Amino acid sequence: MTEFNKVFLDTAPLIYFLDDDIHFGGKMRDILEYILNSGKKMITSSVTCEEYLVFPYRTANREKADVFFEFTDDCHIDILPITVEIAKKAAAIRAQYPHFKGMDALQLATAVHEGCDVFLTNDKQLCQFKEIKCITVEDWNL
């Protein structure tokens, strides 16, 4: 793994961990332990909240929603708002990468705006983005 100081956590990796995904849950546990033990900073955005909370709200599972916020608090993962500056950056990203979805561009823009070294995702398409090192859960080497 390349050196980093701050990692942005996209939604899918958090879902894998919190839902104990059969394919990537264990790997995400190992990645999170590595990051926490190394004292590196982790952030995500309010987009992640929106994306993660859809299922708990749809199924009226308040406990699952609460677990998300307990997890981010316990792991000191900052959840950042989308600002006008981040929205502008996301628009520029979508202009350059027109096949990127709006939510993905907002996530990438937040990571760039906050000076993250790594963007952890599982969307291989986002690895085309060159302003930050994007790496998939599958490709993260401990």
C-alpha atoms as a PDB file:
ATOM      1  CA  MET A   1       0.000   0.000   0.000  1.00  0.00           C
ATOM      2  CA  THR A   2       1.244   3.451  -0.809  1.00  0.00           C
ATOM      3  CA  GLU A   3       1.847   5.900   1.999  1.00  0.00           C
ATOM      4  CA  PHE A   4      -1.065   8.084   2.958  1.00  0.00           C
ATOM      5  CA  ASN A   5      -2.174  10.395   5.729  1.00  0.00           C
ATOM      6  CA  LYS A   6      -5.862  10.810   5.024  1.00  0.00           C
ATOM      7  CA  VAL A   7      -8.256   8.384   3.366  1.00  0.00           C
ATOM      8  CA  PHE A   8     -11.722   9.087   2.017  1.00  0.00           C
ATOM      9  CA  LEU A   9     -14.168   6.226   2.526  1.00  0.00           C
ATOM     10  CA  ASP A  10     -16.706   5.868  -0.263  1.00  0.00           C
ATOM     11  CA  THR A  11     -20.097   4.369   0.582  1.00  0.00           C
ATOM     12  CA  ALA A  12     -19.604   0.795  -0.669  1.00  0.00           C
ATOM     13  CA  PRO A  13     -16.648  -0.017   1.611  1.00  0.00           C
ATOM     14  CA  LEU A  14     -18.637   1.141   4.635  1.00  0.00           C
ATOM     15  CA  ILE A  15     -21.619  -0.946   3.585  1.00  0.00           C
ATOM     16  CA  TYR A  16     -19.340  -3.969   3.204  1.00  0.00           C
ATOM     17  CA  PHE A  17     -18.074  -3.560   6.745  1.00  0.00           C
ATOM     18  CA  LEU A  18     -21.331  -2.618   8.472  1.00  0.00           C
ATOM     19  CA  ASP A  19     -23.342  -5.323   6.710  1.00  0.00           C
ATOM     20  CA  ASP A  20     -20.551  -7.918   7.037  1.00  0.00           C
ATOM     21  CA  ASP A  21     -20.581  -8.524   3.294  1.00  0.00           C
ATOM     22  CA  ILE A  22     -19.690 -12.107   2.438  1.00  0.00           C
ATOM     23  CA  HIS A  23     -17.092 -11.043  -0.154  1.00  0.00           C
ATOM     24  CA  PHE A  24     -15.554  -7.884   1.310  1.00  0.00           C
ATOM     25  CA  GLY A  25     -16.672  -7.582   4.955  1.00  0.00           C
ATOM     26  CA  GLY A  26     -13.584  -9.264   6.380  1.00  0.00           C
ATOM     27  CA  LYS A  27     -11.234  -7.355   4.114  1.00  0.00           C
ATOM     28  CA  MET A  28     -12.847  -4.069   5.134  1.00  0.00           C
ATOM     29  CA  ARG A  29     -12.449  -4.998   8.801  1.00  0.00           C
ATOM     30  CA  ASP A  30      -8.726  -5.563   8.173  1.00  0.00           C
ATOM     31  CA  ILE A  31      -8.400  -2.294   6.225  1.00  0.00           C
ATOM     32  CA  LEU A  32     -10.181  -0.295   8.922  1.00  0.00           C
ATOM     33  CA  GLU A  33      -8.057  -1.874  11.660  1.00  0.00           C
ATOM     34  CA  TYR A  34      -4.925  -1.026   9.687  1.00  0.00           C
ATOM     35  CA  ILE A  35      -5.981   2.599   9.214  1.00  0.00           C
ATOM     36  CA  LEU A  36      -7.058   3.001  12.847  1.00  0.00           C
ATOM     37  CA  ASN A  37      -3.881   1.385  14.188  1.00  0.00           C
ATOM     38  CA  SER A  38      -1.713   3.585  11.979  1.00  0.00           C
ATOM     39  CA  GLY A  39      -3.350   6.729  13.333  1.00  0.00           C
ATOM     40  CA  LYS A  40      -4.321   7.945   9.884  1.00  0.00           C
ATOM     41  CA  LYS A  41      -7.339  10.170   9.338  1.00  0.00           C
ATOM     42  CA  MET A  42     -10.562   8.887   7.751  1.00  0.00           C
ATOM     43  CA  ILE A  43     -13.310  11.025   6.270  1.00  0.00           C
ATOM     44  CA  THR A  44     -16.466  10.612   4.250  1.00  0.00           C
ATOM     45  CA  SER A  45     -19.231  12.972   3.190  1.00  0.00           C
ATOM     46  CA  SER A  46     -22.903  13.549   3.793  1.00  0.00           C
ATOM     47  CA  VAL A  47     -23.452  11.766   0.456  1.00  0.00           C
ATOM     48  CA  THR A  48     -22.387   8.559   2.202  1.00  0.00           C
ATOM     49  CA  CYS A  49     -25.039   9.161   4.869  1.00  0.00           C
ATOM     50  CA  GLU A  50     -27.702   9.563   2.197  1.00  0.00           C
ATOM     51  CA  GLU A  51     -26.619   6.470   0.309  1.00  0.00           C
ATOM     52  CA  TYR A  52     -26.182   4.251   3.368  1.00  0.00           C
ATOM     53  CA  LEU A  53     -29.369   5.266   5.162  1.00  0.00           C
ATOM     54  CA  VAL A  54     -31.783   4.510   2.297  1.00  0.00           C
ATOM     55  CA  PHE A  55     -32.147   0.830   3.195  1.00  0.00           C
ATOM     56  CA  PRO A  56     -32.533   1.313   6.966  1.00  0.00           C
ATOM     57  CA  TYR A  57     -35.152   4.007   6.352  1.00  0.00           C
ATOM     58  CA  ARG A  58     -36.954   1.935   3.732  1.00  0.00           C
ATOM     59  CA  THR A  59     -37.165  -1.006   6.133  1.00  0.00           C
ATOM     60  CA  ALA A  60     -37.852   1.168   9.194  1.00  0.00           C
ATOM     61  CA  ASN A  61     -34.716  -0.224  10.829  1.00  0.00           C
ATOM     62  CA  ARG A  62     -33.789   2.609  13.180  1.00  0.00           C
ATOM     63  CA  GLU A  63     -31.175   0.448  14.903  1.00  0.00           C
ATOM     64  CA  LYS A  64     -29.264  -0.051  11.637  1.00  0.00           C
ATOM     65  CA  ALA A  65     -29.293   3.708  11.050  1.00  0.00           C
ATOM     66  CA  ASP A  66     -28.024   4.324  14.584  1.00  0.00           C
ATOM     67  CA  VAL A  67     -25.213   1.787  14.105  1.00  0.00           C
ATOM     68  CA  PHE A  68     -23.903   3.820  11.147  1.00  0.00           C
ATOM     69  CA  PHE A  69     -23.476   6.933  13.293  1.00  0.00           C
ATOM     70  CA  GLU A  70     -22.085   5.000  16.270  1.00  0.00           C
ATOM     71  CA  PHE A  71     -19.525   3.424  13.945  1.00  0.00           C
ATOM     72  CA  THR A  72     -18.425   6.735  12.416  1.00  0.00           C
ATOM     73  CA  ASP A  73     -18.198   8.292  15.894  1.00  0.00           C
ATOM     74  CA  ASP A  74     -16.267   5.354  17.383  1.00  0.00           C
ATOM     75  CA  CYS A  75     -13.785   5.337  14.480  1.00  0.00           C
ATOM     76  CA  HIS A  76     -13.474   9.145  14.412  1.00  0.00           C
ATOM     77  CA  ILE A  77     -14.611   9.301  10.791  1.00  0.00           C
ATOM     78  CA  ASP A  78     -15.512  12.868   9.960  1.00  0.00           C
ATOM     79  CA  ILE A  79     -18.688  13.233   7.891  1.00  0.00           C
ATOM     80  CA  LEU A  80     -18.265  16.388   5.857  1.00  0.00           C
ATOM     81  CA  PRO A  81     -21.020  18.492   4.300  1.00  0.00           C
ATOM     82  CA  ILE A  82     -21.213  19.277   0.616  1.00  0.00           C
ATOM     83  CA  THR A  83     -20.315  22.938   0.211  1.00  0.00           C
ATOM     84  CA  VAL A  84     -20.627  25.195  -2.802  1.00  0.00           C
ATOM     85  CA  GLU A  85     -16.879  24.816  -3.421  1.00  0.00           C
ATOM     86  CA  ILE A  86     -17.204  21.041  -3.393  1.00  0.00           C
ATOM     87  CA  ALA A  87     -20.209  21.236  -5.724  1.00  0.00           C
ATOM     88  CA  LYS A  88     -18.189  23.370  -8.159  1.00  0.00           C
ATOM     89  CA  LYS A  89     -15.349  20.852  -8.070  1.00  0.00           C
ATOM     90  CA  ALA A  90     -17.823  18.015  -8.638  1.00  0.00           C
ATOM     91  CA  ALA A  91     -19.204  19.832 -11.689  1.00  0.00           C
ATOM     92  CA  ALA A  92     -15.667  20.211 -13.060  1.00  0.00           C
ATOM     93  CA  ILE A  93     -15.054  16.492 -12.476  1.00  0.00           C
ATOM     94  CA  ARG A  94     -18.251  15.570 -14.322  1.00  0.00           C
ATOM     95  CA  ALA A  95     -17.275  17.898 -17.159  1.00  0.00           C
ATOM     96  CA  GLN A  96     -13.991  16.013 -17.517  1.00  0.00           C
ATOM     97  CA  TYR A  97     -15.458  12.558 -16.792  1.00  0.00           C
ATOM     98  CA  PRO A  98     -19.021  12.737 -18.202  1.00  0.00           C
ATOM     99  CA  HIS A  99     -19.740   9.074 -17.421  1.00  0.00           C
ATOM    100  CA  PHE A 100     -19.245   9.634 -13.659  1.00  0.00           C
ATOM    101  CA  LYS A 101     -22.465   9.880 -11.662  1.00  0.00           C
ATOM    102  CA  GLY A 102     -23.223  13.053  -9.749  1.00  0.00           C
ATOM    103  CA  MET A 103     -22.940  11.405  -6.330  1.00  0.00           C
ATOM    104  CA  ASP A 104     -19.569   9.891  -7.250  1.00  0.00           C
ATOM    105  CA  ALA A 105     -18.295  13.278  -8.432  1.00  0.00           C
ATOM    106  CA  LEU A 106     -19.392  14.827  -5.126  1.00  0.00           C
ATOM    107  CA  GLN A 107     -17.521  12.119  -3.217  1.00  0.00           C
ATOM    108  CA  LEU A 108     -14.356  12.611  -5.273  1.00  0.00           C
ATOM    109  CA  ALA A 109     -14.617  16.392  -5.011  1.00  0.00           C
ATOM    110  CA  THR A 110     -14.912  16.170  -1.227  1.00  0.00           C
ATOM    111  CA  ALA A 111     -11.833  13.954  -1.074  1.00  0.00           C
ATOM    112  CA  VAL A 112      -9.805  16.340  -3.236  1.00  0.00           C
ATOM    113  CA  HIS A 113     -11.057  19.419  -1.377  1.00  0.00           C
ATOM    114  CA  GLU A 114     -10.058  17.870   1.955  1.00  0.00           C
ATOM    115  CA  GLY A 115      -6.584  16.854   0.770  1.00  0.00           C
ATOM    116  CA  CYS A 116      -7.055  13.108   0.979  1.00  0.00           C
ATOM    117  CA  ASP A 117      -4.243  10.926  -0.303  1.00  0.00           C
ATOM    118  CA  VAL A 118      -6.437   7.895  -0.989  1.00  0.00           C
ATOM    119  CA  PHE A 119     -10.028   7.397  -2.118  1.00  0.00           C
ATOM    120  CA  LEU A 120     -11.214   3.940  -1.041  1.00  0.00           C
ATOM    121  CA  THR A 121     -14.063   2.669  -3.199  1.00  0.00           C
ATOM    122  CA  ASN A 122     -15.119  -0.447  -4.976  1.00  0.00           C
ATOM    123  CA  ASP A 123     -16.121   1.308  -8.179  1.00  0.00           C
ATOM    124  CA  LYS A 124     -13.339   0.448 -10.617  1.00  0.00           C
ATOM    125  CA  GLN A 125     -14.567   3.158 -13.001  1.00  0.00           C
ATOM    126  CA  LEU A 126     -13.561   5.832 -10.484  1.00  0.00           C
ATOM    127  CA  CYS A 127      -9.947   4.646 -10.653  1.00  0.00           C
ATOM    128  CA  GLN A 128      -9.733   6.595 -13.931  1.00  0.00           C
ATOM    129  CA  PHE A 129      -9.737   9.779 -11.854  1.00  0.00           C
ATOM    130  CA  LYS A 130      -6.169  11.074 -11.607  1.00  0.00           C
ATOM    131  CA  GLU A 131      -6.256  13.842  -8.985  1.00  0.00           C
ATOM    132  CA  ILE A 132      -6.212  11.375  -6.125  1.00  0.00           C
ATOM    133  CA  LYS A 133      -5.154   7.760  -5.765  1.00  0.00           C
ATOM    134  CA  CYS A 134      -8.359   5.740  -6.084  1.00  0.00           C
ATOM    135  CA  ILE A 135      -8.147   2.162  -4.937  1.00  0.00           C
ATOM    136  CA  THR A 136     -10.743  -0.562  -4.671  1.00  0.00           C
ATOM    137  CA  VAL A 137     -11.263  -2.681  -1.588  1.00  0.00           C
ATOM    138  CA  GLU A 138     -10.309  -5.661  -3.685  1.00  0.00           C
ATOM    139  CA  ASP A 139      -6.994  -4.068  -4.712  1.00  0.00           C
ATOM    140  CA  TRP A 140      -5.988  -2.689  -1.277  1.00  0.00           C
ATOM    141  CA  ASN A 141      -2.859  -4.508  -0.127  1.00  0.00           C
ATOM    142  CA  LEU A 142      -2.127  -4.513   3.589  1.00  0.00           C
END
